[in-house]
C-alpha atoms as a PDB file:
ATOM      1  CA  UNK A   1     -53.730 -98.169 -69.099  1.00  0.00           C
ATOM      2  CA  UNK A   2     -57.226 -99.261 -68.130  1.00  0.00           C
ATOM      3  CA  UNK A   3     -58.183 -95.608 -67.732  1.00  0.00           C
ATOM      4  CA  UNK A   4     -57.367 -95.109 -71.410  1.00  0.00           C
ATOM      5  CA  UNK A   5     -59.525 -98.099 -72.362  1.00  0.00           C
ATOM      6  CA  UNK A   6     -56.771-100.672 -72.611  1.00  0.00           C
ATOM      7  CA  UNK A   7     -56.876-104.268 -71.412  1.00  0.00           C
ATOM      8  CA  UNK A   8     -54.436-104.884 -68.565  1.00  0.00           C
ATOM      9  CA  UNK A   9     -53.053-108.424 -68.289  1.00  0.00           C
ATOM     10  CA  UNK A  10     -50.944-109.263 -65.235  1.00  0.00           C
ATOM     11  CA  UNK A  11     -48.805-112.371 -65.592  1.00  0.00           C
ATOM     12  CA  UNK A  12     -45.393-113.754 -64.662  1.00  0.00           C
ATOM     13  CA  UNK A  13     -43.391-113.652 -61.458  1.00  0.00           C
ATOM     14  CA  UNK A  14     -41.050-110.940 -62.757  1.00  0.00           C
ATOM     15  CA  UNK A  15     -40.304-108.730 -65.746  1.00  0.00           C
ATOM     16  CA  UNK A  16     -38.660-111.411 -67.894  1.00  0.00           C
ATOM     17  CA  UNK A  17     -41.576-113.835 -67.494  1.00  0.00           C
ATOM     18  CA  UNK A  18     -44.051-111.039 -68.223  1.00  0.00           C
ATOM     19  CA  UNK A  19     -42.109-110.122 -71.359  1.00  0.00           C
ATOM     20  CA  UNK A  20     -42.514-113.662 -72.704  1.00  0.00           C
ATOM     21  CA  UNK A  21     -46.257-113.664 -71.954  1.00  0.00           C
ATOM     22  CA  UNK A  22     -46.683-110.315 -73.726  1.00  0.00           C
ATOM     23  CA  UNK A  23     -44.913-111.665 -76.820  1.00  0.00           C
ATOM     24  CA  UNK A  24     -47.151-114.749 -76.826  1.00  0.00           C
ATOM     25  CA  UNK A  25     -50.309-112.630 -76.573  1.00  0.00           C
ATOM     26  CA  UNK A  26     -49.057-110.426 -79.390  1.00  0.00           C
ATOM     27  CA  UNK A  27     -48.458-113.469 -81.596  1.00  0.00           C
ATOM     28  CA  UNK A  28     -51.841-115.006 -80.793  1.00  0.00           C
ATOM     29  CA  UNK A  29     -53.756-111.812 -81.531  1.00  0.00           C
ATOM     30  CA  UNK A  30     -51.707-110.638 -84.466  1.00  0.00           C
ATOM     31  CA  UNK A  31     -50.430-107.545 -82.656  1.00  0.00           C
ATOM     32  CA  UNK A  32     -47.209-105.747 -83.486  1.00  0.00           C
ATOM     33  CA  UNK A  33     -45.020-106.500 -80.484  1.00  0.00           C
ATOM     34  CA  UNK A  34     -42.361-103.948 -79.554  1.00  0.00           C
ATOM     35  CA  UNK A  35     -39.699-105.530 -77.308  1.00  0.00           C
ATOM     36  CA  UNK A  36     -38.234-103.654 -74.369  1.00  0.00           C
ATOM     37  CA  UNK A  37     -34.897-103.412 -76.153  1.00  0.00           C
ATOM     38  CA  UNK A  38     -35.472-102.157 -79.681  1.00  0.00           C
ATOM     39  CA  UNK A  39     -33.373-100.138 -82.106  1.00  0.00           C
ATOM     40  CA  UNK A  40     -35.972 -97.342 -82.343  1.00  0.00           C
ATOM     41  CA  UNK A  41     -36.233 -97.125 -78.545  1.00  0.00           C
ATOM     42  CA  UNK A  42     -32.458 -96.765 -78.332  1.00  0.00           C
ATOM     43  CA  UNK A  43     -32.614 -93.912 -80.852  1.00  0.00           C
ATOM     44  CA  UNK A  44     -35.238 -92.214 -78.706  1.00  0.00           C
ATOM     45  CA  UNK A  45     -33.351 -92.347 -75.426  1.00  0.00           C
ATOM     46  CA  UNK A  46     -30.121 -91.449 -77.245  1.00  0.00           C
ATOM     47  CA  UNK A  47     -31.444 -87.894 -77.570  1.00  0.00           C
ATOM     48  CA  UNK A  48     -30.636 -87.232 -73.901  1.00  0.00           C
ATOM     49  CA  UNK A  49     -27.131 -88.580 -74.494  1.00  0.00           C
ATOM     50  CA  UNK A  50     -26.665 -86.108 -77.340  1.00  0.00           C
ATOM     51  CA  UNK A  51     -27.910 -83.202 -75.220  1.00  0.00           C
ATOM     52  CA  UNK A  52     -25.636 -84.241 -72.349  1.00  0.00           C
ATOM     53  CA  UNK A  53     -22.474 -84.610 -74.409  1.00  0.00           C
ATOM     54  CA  UNK A  54     -23.135 -81.412 -76.366  1.00  0.00           C
ATOM     55  CA  UNK A  55     -23.603 -79.377 -73.179  1.00  0.00           C
ATOM     56  CA  UNK A  56     -20.491 -80.379 -71.218  1.00  0.00           C
ATOM     57  CA  UNK A  57     -17.235 -82.333 -71.340  1.00  0.00           C
ATOM     58  CA  UNK A  58     -17.301 -85.345 -69.044  1.00  0.00           C
ATOM     59  CA  UNK A  59     -14.646 -87.814 -67.968  1.00  0.00           C
ATOM     60  CA  UNK A  60     -17.179 -90.517 -67.087  1.00  0.00           C
ATOM     61  CA  UNK A  61     -20.927 -91.160 -67.085  1.00  0.00           C
ATOM     62  CA  UNK A  62     -22.669 -93.682 -64.810  1.00  0.00           C
ATOM     63  CA  UNK A  63     -25.903 -95.129 -66.213  1.00  0.00           C
ATOM     64  CA  UNK A  64     -28.311 -97.804 -64.900  1.00  0.00           C
ATOM     65  CA  UNK A  65     -28.857-100.948 -66.956  1.00  0.00           C
ATOM     66  CA  UNK A  66     -32.279-102.534 -67.279  1.00  0.00           C
ATOM     67  CA  UNK A  67     -32.698-103.975 -70.766  1.00  0.00           C
ATOM     68  CA  UNK A  68     -29.913-101.704 -72.024  1.00  0.00           C
ATOM     69  CA  UNK A  69     -31.522 -98.921 -74.078  1.00  0.00           C
ATOM     70  CA  UNK A  70     -30.050 -96.077 -72.026  1.00  0.00           C
ATOM     71  CA  UNK A  71     -26.466 -97.271 -71.884  1.00  0.00           C
ATOM     72  CA  UNK A  72     -26.510 -98.339 -75.534  1.00  0.00           C
ATOM     73  CA  UNK A  73     -27.733 -94.877 -76.532  1.00  0.00           C
ATOM     74  CA  UNK A  74     -24.938 -93.259 -74.517  1.00  0.00           C
ATOM     75  CA  UNK A  75     -22.268 -95.519 -75.999  1.00  0.00           C
ATOM     76  CA  UNK A  76     -23.488 -94.945 -79.551  1.00  0.00           C
ATOM     77  CA  UNK A  77     -23.643 -91.145 -79.255  1.00  0.00           C
ATOM     78  CA  UNK A  78     -20.285 -91.031 -77.450  1.00  0.00           C
ATOM     79  CA  UNK A  79     -18.711 -92.959 -80.306  1.00  0.00           C
ATOM     80  CA  UNK A  80     -20.409 -90.905 -83.023  1.00  0.00           C
ATOM     81  CA  UNK A  81     -19.067 -87.721 -81.421  1.00  0.00           C
ATOM     82  CA  UNK A  82     -15.625 -89.351 -81.087  1.00  0.00           C
ATOM     83  CA  UNK A  83     -15.416 -88.611 -77.367  1.00  0.00           C
ATOM     84  CA  UNK A  84     -13.171 -90.314 -74.806  1.00  0.00           C
ATOM     85  CA  UNK A  85     -15.773 -90.312 -72.008  1.00  0.00           C
ATOM     86  CA  UNK A  86     -15.895 -93.549 -70.017  1.00  0.00           C
ATOM     87  CA  UNK A  87     -19.334 -95.069 -69.663  1.00  0.00           C
ATOM     88  CA  UNK A  88     -19.968 -97.220 -66.595  1.00  0.00           C
ATOM     89  CA  UNK A  89     -23.042 -99.417 -66.362  1.00  0.00           C
ATOM     90  CA  UNK A  90     -24.759 -99.936 -63.017  1.00  0.00           C
ATOM     91  CA  UNK A  91     -26.804-102.934 -61.883  1.00  0.00           C
ATOM     92  CA  UNK A  92     -28.287-104.060 -58.589  1.00  0.00           C
ATOM     93  CA  UNK A  93     -26.461-106.809 -56.713  1.00  0.00           C
ATOM     94  CA  UNK A  94     -29.729-108.754 -56.646  1.00  0.00           C
ATOM     95  CA  UNK A  95     -30.090-108.476 -60.440  1.00  0.00           C
ATOM     96  CA  UNK A  96     -26.521-109.023 -61.660  1.00  0.00           C
ATOM     97  CA  UNK A  97     -27.174-110.430 -65.149  1.00  0.00           C
ATOM     98  CA  UNK A  98     -25.329-107.735 -67.094  1.00  0.00           C
ATOM     99  CA  UNK A  99     -22.451-107.646 -64.597  1.00  0.00           C
ATOM    100  CA  UNK A 100     -22.062-111.419 -64.903  1.00  0.00           C
ATOM    101  CA  UNK A 101     -22.294-111.162 -68.679  1.00  0.00           C
ATOM    102  CA  UNK A 102     -19.714-108.376 -68.900  1.00  0.00           C
ATOM    103  CA  UNK A 103     -17.287-110.417 -66.810  1.00  0.00           C
ATOM    104  CA  UNK A 104     -17.894-113.587 -68.826  1.00  0.00           C
ATOM    105  CA  UNK A 105     -17.763-111.888 -72.213  1.00  0.00           C
ATOM    106  CA  UNK A 106     -21.100-113.368 -73.266  1.00  0.00           C
ATOM    107  CA  UNK A 107     -24.766-113.047 -72.247  1.00  0.00           C
ATOM    108  CA  UNK A 108     -25.333-114.864 -68.950  1.00  0.00           C
ATOM    109  CA  UNK A 109     -28.790-115.309 -67.440  1.00  0.00           C
ATOM    110  CA  UNK A 110     -29.123-114.675 -63.705  1.00  0.00           C
ATOM    111  CA  UNK A 111     -31.158-116.934 -61.452  1.00  0.00           C
ATOM    112  CA  UNK A 112     -33.152-114.005 -60.100  1.00  0.00           C
ATOM    113  CA  UNK A 113     -33.667-110.261 -60.277  1.00  0.00           C
ATOM    114  CA  UNK A 114     -34.428-109.452 -56.662  1.00  0.00           C
ATOM    115  CA  UNK A 115     -34.286-105.686 -56.290  1.00  0.00           C
ATOM    116  CA  UNK A 116     -36.757-102.973 -55.373  1.00  0.00           C
ATOM    117  CA  UNK A 117     -35.187-100.978 -58.229  1.00  0.00           C
ATOM    118  CA  UNK A 118     -37.553-102.523 -60.743  1.00  0.00           C
ATOM    119  CA  UNK A 119     -36.061-100.567 -63.638  1.00  0.00           C
ATOM    120  CA  UNK A 120     -32.966-102.786 -63.335  1.00  0.00           C
ATOM    121  CA  UNK A 121     -34.745-106.073 -62.579  1.00  0.00           C
ATOM    122  CA  UNK A 122     -33.451-108.003 -65.593  1.00  0.00           C
ATOM    123  CA  UNK A 123     -32.536-111.712 -65.543  1.00  0.00           C
ATOM    124  CA  UNK A 124     -32.057-112.317 -69.262  1.00  0.00           C
ATOM    125  CA  UNK A 125     -29.657-109.970 -71.123  1.00  0.00           C
ATOM    126  CA  UNK A 126     -30.497-109.633 -74.810  1.00  0.00           C
ATOM    127  CA  UNK A 127     -27.585-110.387 -77.180  1.00  0.00           C
ATOM    128  CA  UNK A 128     -27.908-107.172 -79.224  1.00  0.00           C
ATOM    129  CA  UNK A 129     -27.762-104.977 -76.127  1.00  0.00           C
ATOM    130  CA  UNK A 130     -24.913-106.998 -74.630  1.00  0.00           C
ATOM    131  CA  UNK A 131     -22.822-106.683 -77.790  1.00  0.00           C
ATOM    132  CA  UNK A 132     -22.986-102.877 -77.626  1.00  0.00           C
ATOM    133  CA  UNK A 133     -22.292-102.792 -73.882  1.00  0.00           C
ATOM    134  CA  UNK A 134     -19.402-105.248 -74.105  1.00  0.00           C
ATOM    135  CA  UNK A 135     -17.813-103.211 -76.873  1.00  0.00           C
ATOM    136  CA  UNK A 136     -18.301 -99.762 -75.387  1.00  0.00           C
ATOM    137  CA  UNK A 137     -18.632 -99.764 -71.598  1.00  0.00           C
ATOM    138  CA  UNK A 138     -15.632 -99.339 -69.326  1.00  0.00           C
ATOM    139  CA  UNK A 139     -17.107-101.727 -66.771  1.00  0.00           C
ATOM    140  CA  UNK A 140     -20.329-102.679 -64.968  1.00  0.00           C
ATOM    141  CA  UNK A 141     -20.674-101.907 -61.247  1.00  0.00           C
ATOM    142  CA  UNK A 142     -23.109-103.641 -58.875  1.00  0.00           C
ATOM    143  CA  UNK A 143     -24.643-101.743 -55.945  1.00  0.00           C
ATOM    144  CA  UNK A 144     -26.612-102.995 -52.938  1.00  0.00           C
ATOM    145  CA  UNK A 145     -30.212-102.266 -52.020  1.00  0.00           C
ATOM    146  CA  UNK A 146     -28.984-100.196 -49.066  1.00  0.00           C
ATOM    147  CA  UNK A 147     -26.725 -98.195 -51.396  1.00  0.00           C
ATOM    148  CA  UNK A 148     -29.636 -97.474 -53.729  1.00  0.00           C
ATOM    149  CA  UNK A 149     -31.951 -96.426 -50.903  1.00  0.00           C
ATOM    150  CA  UNK A 150     -29.315 -94.071 -49.502  1.00  0.00           C
ATOM    151  CA  UNK A 151     -28.792 -92.521 -52.939  1.00  0.00           C
ATOM    152  CA  UNK A 152     -32.543 -91.872 -53.213  1.00  0.00           C
ATOM    153  CA  UNK A 153     -32.426 -90.080 -49.852  1.00  0.00           C
ATOM    154  CA  UNK A 154     -29.401 -88.026 -50.906  1.00  0.00           C
ATOM    155  CA  UNK A 155     -31.078 -86.905 -54.116  1.00  0.00           C
ATOM    156  CA  UNK A 156     -34.196 -85.863 -52.234  1.00  0.00           C
ATOM    157  CA  UNK A 157     -32.522 -84.042 -49.367  1.00  0.00           C
ATOM    158  CA  UNK A 158     -29.809 -82.270 -51.379  1.00  0.00           C
ATOM    159  CA  UNK A 159     -31.458 -81.548 -54.751  1.00  0.00           C
ATOM    160  CA  UNK A 160     -35.187 -82.135 -54.054  1.00  0.00           C
ATOM    161  CA  UNK A 161     -35.327 -84.549 -56.988  1.00  0.00           C
ATOM    162  CA  UNK A 162     -37.451 -87.671 -56.733  1.00  0.00           C
ATOM    163  CA  UNK A 163     -35.419 -90.627 -57.997  1.00  0.00           C
ATOM    164  CA  UNK A 164     -36.644 -94.143 -58.592  1.00  0.00           C
ATOM    165  CA  UNK A 165     -34.351 -97.003 -57.634  1.00  0.00           C
ATOM    166  CA  UNK A 166     -32.770 -97.337 -61.063  1.00  0.00           C
ATOM    167  CA  UNK A 167     -32.412 -93.568 -61.307  1.00  0.00           C
ATOM    168  CA  UNK A 168     -30.521 -93.375 -58.015  1.00  0.00           C
ATOM    169  CA  UNK A 169     -28.242 -96.349 -58.735  1.00  0.00           C
ATOM    170  CA  UNK A 170     -25.631 -94.319 -60.678  1.00  0.00           C
ATOM    171  CA  UNK A 171     -25.146 -92.023 -57.671  1.00  0.00           C
ATOM    172  CA  UNK A 172     -24.792 -95.105 -55.456  1.00  0.00           C
ATOM    173  CA  UNK A 173     -22.096 -96.421 -57.792  1.00  0.00           C
ATOM    174  CA  UNK A 174     -20.222 -93.122 -57.846  1.00  0.00           C
ATOM    175  CA  UNK A 175     -20.232 -92.949 -54.048  1.00  0.00           C
ATOM    176  CA  UNK A 176     -18.811 -96.468 -54.050  1.00  0.00           C
ATOM    177  CA  UNK A 177     -16.010 -95.382 -56.404  1.00  0.00           C
ATOM    178  CA  UNK A 178     -15.642 -91.719 -55.404  1.00  0.00           C
ATOM    179  CA  UNK A 179     -11.878 -91.902 -54.868  1.00  0.00           C
ATOM    180  CA  UNK A 180     -11.430 -93.178 -58.414  1.00  0.00           C
ATOM    181  CA  UNK A 181     -12.816 -89.989 -59.938  1.00  0.00           C
ATOM    182  CA  UNK A 182     -11.774 -87.347 -57.410  1.00  0.00           C
ATOM    183  CA  UNK A 183     -11.308 -84.066 -59.265  1.00  0.00           C
ATOM    184  CA  UNK A 184     -12.940 -85.409 -62.443  1.00  0.00           C
ATOM    185  CA  UNK A 185     -16.123 -84.338 -64.231  1.00  0.00           C
ATOM    186  CA  UNK A 186     -18.760 -87.027 -63.704  1.00  0.00           C
ATOM    187  CA  UNK A 187     -22.236 -87.377 -65.209  1.00  0.00           C
ATOM    188  CA  UNK A 188     -25.021 -89.350 -63.529  1.00  0.00           C
ATOM    189  CA  UNK A 189     -28.128 -90.501 -65.383  1.00  0.00           C
ATOM    190  CA  UNK A 190     -31.182 -90.041 -63.171  1.00  0.00           C
ATOM    191  CA  UNK A 191     -33.489 -92.069 -65.391  1.00  0.00           C
ATOM    192  CA  UNK A 192     -36.818 -91.303 -63.718  1.00  0.00           C
ATOM    193  CA  UNK A 193     -38.926 -90.835 -60.609  1.00  0.00           C
ATOM    194  CA  UNK A 194     -41.270 -93.805 -60.939  1.00  0.00           C
ATOM    195  CA  UNK A 195     -41.311 -94.893 -57.289  1.00  0.00           C
ATOM    196  CA  UNK A 196     -44.434 -95.901 -55.362  1.00  0.00           C
ATOM    197  CA  UNK A 197     -45.469 -93.596 -52.527  1.00  0.00           C
ATOM    198  CA  UNK A 198     -45.292 -96.361 -49.914  1.00  0.00           C
ATOM    199  CA  UNK A 199     -41.806 -97.373 -51.031  1.00  0.00           C
ATOM    200  CA  UNK A 200     -40.593 -93.782 -51.053  1.00  0.00           C
ATOM    201  CA  UNK A 201     -42.006 -93.169 -47.567  1.00  0.00           C
ATOM    202  CA  UNK A 202     -40.218 -96.270 -46.311  1.00  0.00           C
ATOM    203  CA  UNK A 203     -36.922 -95.045 -47.776  1.00  0.00           C
ATOM    204  CA  UNK A 204     -37.327 -91.599 -46.226  1.00  0.00           C
ATOM    205  CA  UNK A 205     -37.773 -93.306 -42.835  1.00  0.00           C
ATOM    206  CA  UNK A 206     -34.267 -94.699 -43.266  1.00  0.00           C
ATOM    207  CA  UNK A 207     -35.411 -98.186 -44.259  1.00  0.00           C
ATOM    208  CA  UNK A 208     -34.535-100.296 -47.292  1.00  0.00           C
ATOM    209  CA  UNK A 209     -37.585-101.751 -49.110  1.00  0.00           C
ATOM    210  CA  UNK A 210     -37.799-105.488 -49.629  1.00  0.00           C
ATOM    211  CA  UNK A 211     -36.922-106.698 -53.099  1.00  0.00           C
END
Protein backbone atom coordinates (compact mmCIF):
# COMPACT_ATOMS: atom_id res chain seq x y z
CA UNK A 1 0.00 0.00 0.00
CA UNK A 2 2.84 2.37 0.81
CA UNK A 3 4.39 1.55 -2.56
CA UNK A 4 1.26 2.93 -4.21
CA UNK A 5 1.49 6.12 -2.14
CA UNK A 6 -0.96 5.16 0.57
CA UNK A 7 -0.64 5.80 4.29
CA UNK A 8 -0.29 2.57 6.26
CA UNK A 9 -1.62 2.64 9.83
CA UNK A 10 -0.94 -0.39 12.03
CA UNK A 11 -3.15 -0.65 15.10
CA UNK A 12 -4.98 -3.20 17.23
CA UNK A 13 -3.96 -6.58 18.60
CA UNK A 14 -6.00 -8.48 16.01
CA UNK A 15 -8.29 -8.06 13.01
CA UNK A 16 -11.40 -7.06 14.97
CA UNK A 17 -9.59 -4.31 16.89
CA UNK A 18 -8.00 -3.06 13.67
CA UNK A 19 -11.41 -2.97 12.00
CA UNK A 20 -12.73 -0.64 14.71
CA UNK A 21 -9.70 1.66 14.40
CA UNK A 22 -10.13 1.83 10.62
CA UNK A 23 -13.79 2.82 11.02
CA UNK A 24 -12.83 5.54 13.51
CA UNK A 25 -10.19 6.96 11.16
CA UNK A 26 -12.69 6.91 8.31
CA UNK A 27 -15.21 8.84 10.42
CA UNK A 28 -12.65 11.38 11.59
CA UNK A 29 -11.36 12.09 8.09
CA UNK A 30 -14.66 11.89 6.27
CA UNK A 31 -13.66 8.81 4.28
CA UNK A 32 -16.10 6.31 2.83
CA UNK A 33 -15.50 3.22 4.94
CA UNK A 34 -16.15 -0.16 3.34
CA UNK A 35 -16.55 -2.87 6.01
CA UNK A 36 -15.07 -6.32 5.57
CA UNK A 37 -18.54 -7.80 5.23
CA UNK A 38 -20.51 -5.76 2.72
CA UNK A 39 -23.32 -6.58 0.32
CA UNK A 40 -21.29 -5.53 -2.75
CA UNK A 41 -18.32 -7.63 -1.62
CA UNK A 42 -20.61 -10.64 -1.29
CA UNK A 43 -21.85 -10.06 -4.84
CA UNK A 44 -18.25 -9.99 -6.05
CA UNK A 45 -17.15 -13.25 -4.45
CA UNK A 46 -20.46 -14.86 -5.43
CA UNK A 47 -19.21 -14.95 -9.02
CA UNK A 48 -16.96 -17.92 -8.19
CA UNK A 49 -19.96 -19.66 -6.61
CA UNK A 50 -21.91 -19.21 -9.84
CA UNK A 51 -19.04 -20.56 -11.95
CA UNK A 52 -18.64 -23.54 -9.60
CA UNK A 53 -22.31 -24.51 -9.51
CA UNK A 54 -22.74 -24.01 -13.26
CA UNK A 55 -19.77 -26.25 -14.06
CA UNK A 56 -20.58 -29.32 -11.95
CA UNK A 57 -23.17 -30.94 -9.69
CA UNK A 58 -21.97 -31.17 -6.10
CA UNK A 59 -23.37 -32.87 -3.03
CA UNK A 60 -21.51 -30.59 -0.62
CA UNK A 61 -19.13 -27.62 -0.61
CA UNK A 62 -16.75 -26.79 2.25
CA UNK A 63 -15.87 -23.10 2.58
CA UNK A 64 -13.77 -21.16 5.13
CA UNK A 65 -15.44 -18.46 7.20
CA UNK A 66 -13.67 -15.21 8.01
CA UNK A 67 -16.18 -12.36 8.02
CA UNK A 68 -18.56 -14.46 5.92
CA UNK A 69 -18.51 -13.06 2.37
CA UNK A 70 -17.50 -16.33 0.72
CA UNK A 71 -19.99 -18.62 2.42
CA UNK A 72 -22.79 -16.07 2.09
CA UNK A 73 -22.12 -15.81 -1.65
CA UNK A 74 -22.23 -19.60 -1.98
CA UNK A 75 -25.47 -19.89 -0.01
CA UNK A 76 -27.14 -17.13 -2.00
CA UNK A 77 -26.18 -18.53 -5.42
CA UNK A 78 -27.07 -22.08 -4.35
CA UNK A 79 -30.53 -20.88 -3.36
CA UNK A 80 -31.02 -18.77 -6.49
CA UNK A 81 -30.20 -21.81 -8.63
CA UNK A 82 -32.53 -23.95 -6.48
CA UNK A 83 -29.83 -26.53 -5.79
CA UNK A 84 -29.75 -29.07 -2.95
CA UNK A 85 -25.99 -28.81 -2.36
CA UNK A 86 -25.01 -28.74 1.32
CA UNK A 87 -22.73 -25.90 2.31
CA UNK A 88 -20.45 -26.48 5.29
CA UNK A 89 -18.61 -23.59 6.91
CA UNK A 90 -15.13 -24.11 8.33
CA UNK A 91 -13.46 -22.22 11.17
CA UNK A 92 -10.27 -22.67 13.16
CA UNK A 93 -10.59 -24.13 16.65
CA UNK A 94 -8.70 -21.10 17.95
CA UNK A 95 -11.17 -18.72 16.28
CA UNK A 96 -14.52 -20.42 16.90
CA UNK A 97 -16.87 -17.41 16.84
CA UNK A 98 -19.05 -18.57 13.95
CA UNK A 99 -19.13 -22.16 15.21
CA UNK A 100 -20.26 -20.94 18.64
CA UNK A 101 -22.80 -18.65 17.01
CA UNK A 102 -24.20 -21.39 14.77
CA UNK A 103 -24.64 -23.67 17.77
CA UNK A 104 -26.25 -20.93 19.87
CA UNK A 105 -28.51 -19.64 17.11
CA UNK A 106 -27.31 -16.07 17.58
CA UNK A 107 -24.08 -14.09 17.08
CA UNK A 108 -21.62 -14.97 19.84
CA UNK A 109 -18.30 -13.17 20.26
CA UNK A 110 -15.25 -15.33 20.96
CA UNK A 111 -12.65 -14.37 23.53
CA UNK A 112 -9.84 -14.73 21.01
CA UNK A 113 -8.98 -15.57 17.42
CA UNK A 114 -5.71 -17.41 17.86
CA UNK A 115 -4.89 -19.06 14.55
CA UNK A 116 -2.11 -18.74 11.99
CA UNK A 117 -4.89 -18.92 9.38
CA UNK A 118 -5.41 -15.18 9.53
CA UNK A 119 -8.18 -15.26 6.92
CA UNK A 120 -10.39 -16.92 9.55
CA UNK A 121 -9.22 -14.91 12.57
CA UNK A 122 -12.61 -13.41 13.47
CA UNK A 123 -13.81 -12.81 17.04
CA UNK A 124 -16.94 -10.77 16.34
CA UNK A 125 -19.49 -12.26 13.89
CA UNK A 126 -21.55 -9.61 12.12
CA UNK A 127 -25.34 -10.09 12.42
CA UNK A 128 -26.06 -9.79 8.68
CA UNK A 129 -23.53 -12.48 7.79
CA UNK A 130 -24.68 -14.72 10.63
CA UNK A 131 -28.32 -14.51 9.53
CA UNK A 132 -27.44 -15.83 6.06
CA UNK A 133 -25.16 -18.56 7.44
CA UNK A 134 -27.66 -19.67 10.07
CA UNK A 135 -30.38 -19.93 7.45
CA UNK A 136 -28.39 -21.66 4.73
CA UNK A 137 -25.41 -23.63 6.04
CA UNK A 138 -25.68 -27.30 6.93
CA UNK A 139 -23.25 -26.88 9.82
CA UNK A 140 -19.96 -25.24 10.84
CA UNK A 141 -16.89 -27.44 11.41
CA UNK A 142 -13.84 -26.44 13.48
CA UNK A 143 -10.37 -27.69 12.54
CA UNK A 144 -7.09 -27.57 14.47
CA UNK A 145 -3.90 -25.74 13.57
CA UNK A 146 -2.21 -29.09 12.91
CA UNK A 147 -5.07 -30.08 10.59
CA UNK A 148 -4.71 -26.84 8.63
CA UNK A 149 -0.93 -27.17 8.32
CA UNK A 150 -1.26 -30.75 7.07
CA UNK A 151 -3.85 -29.66 4.49
CA UNK A 152 -1.44 -26.99 3.21
CA UNK A 153 1.23 -29.67 2.79
CA UNK A 154 -1.19 -31.99 0.99
CA UNK A 155 -2.22 -29.28 -1.46
CA UNK A 156 1.40 -28.47 -2.23
CA UNK A 157 2.68 -32.01 -2.61
CA UNK A 158 -0.28 -33.44 -4.54
CA UNK A 159 -1.51 -30.52 -6.67
CA UNK A 160 1.37 -27.99 -6.46
CA UNK A 161 -1.08 -25.33 -5.32
CA UNK A 162 -0.02 -22.82 -2.68
CA UNK A 163 -2.80 -22.53 -0.10
CA UNK A 164 -3.02 -20.05 2.73
CA UNK A 165 -4.33 -21.28 6.06
CA UNK A 166 -7.94 -20.31 5.39
CA UNK A 167 -7.71 -21.76 1.89
CA UNK A 168 -6.54 -25.13 3.18
CA UNK A 169 -9.08 -25.33 6.02
CA UNK A 170 -11.88 -26.82 3.86
CA UNK A 171 -9.62 -29.74 2.90
CA UNK A 172 -8.78 -30.21 6.59
CA UNK A 173 -12.49 -30.35 7.38
CA UNK A 174 -13.21 -32.85 4.62
CA UNK A 175 -10.41 -35.12 5.82
CA UNK A 176 -11.96 -34.92 9.28
CA UNK A 177 -15.35 -35.97 7.87
CA UNK A 178 -14.24 -38.12 4.92
CA UNK A 179 -16.38 -41.12 5.87
CA UNK A 180 -19.48 -38.92 5.84
CA UNK A 181 -19.12 -38.14 2.14
CA UNK A 182 -17.52 -41.31 0.78
CA UNK A 183 -18.62 -41.72 -2.84
CA UNK A 184 -20.07 -38.20 -3.00
CA UNK A 185 -19.08 -35.20 -5.12
CA UNK A 186 -17.40 -32.64 -2.87
CA UNK A 187 -16.25 -29.09 -3.63
CA UNK A 188 -13.51 -27.34 -1.64
CA UNK A 189 -12.99 -23.58 -1.73
CA UNK A 190 -9.28 -22.81 -1.84
CA UNK A 191 -9.71 -19.11 -1.13
CA UNK A 192 -6.15 -17.92 -1.75
CA UNK A 193 -2.40 -18.37 -1.39
CA UNK A 194 -1.59 -15.41 0.86
CA UNK A 195 0.90 -17.14 3.16
CA UNK A 196 4.21 -15.63 4.29
CA UNK A 197 7.35 -17.34 3.03
CA UNK A 198 8.66 -18.02 6.54
CA UNK A 199 5.36 -19.56 7.61
CA UNK A 200 5.15 -21.70 4.49
CA UNK A 201 8.73 -22.92 4.95
CA UNK A 202 7.93 -23.87 8.54
CA UNK A 203 4.88 -25.85 7.40
CA UNK A 204 6.87 -27.68 4.72
CA UNK A 205 9.34 -28.73 7.44
CA UNK A 206 6.46 -30.55 9.11
CA UNK A 207 5.90 -27.91 11.79
CA UNK A 208 2.75 -26.03 12.78
CA UNK A 209 3.20 -22.23 12.99
CA UNK A 210 2.33 -20.45 16.21
CA UNK A 211 -0.99 -18.64 16.21
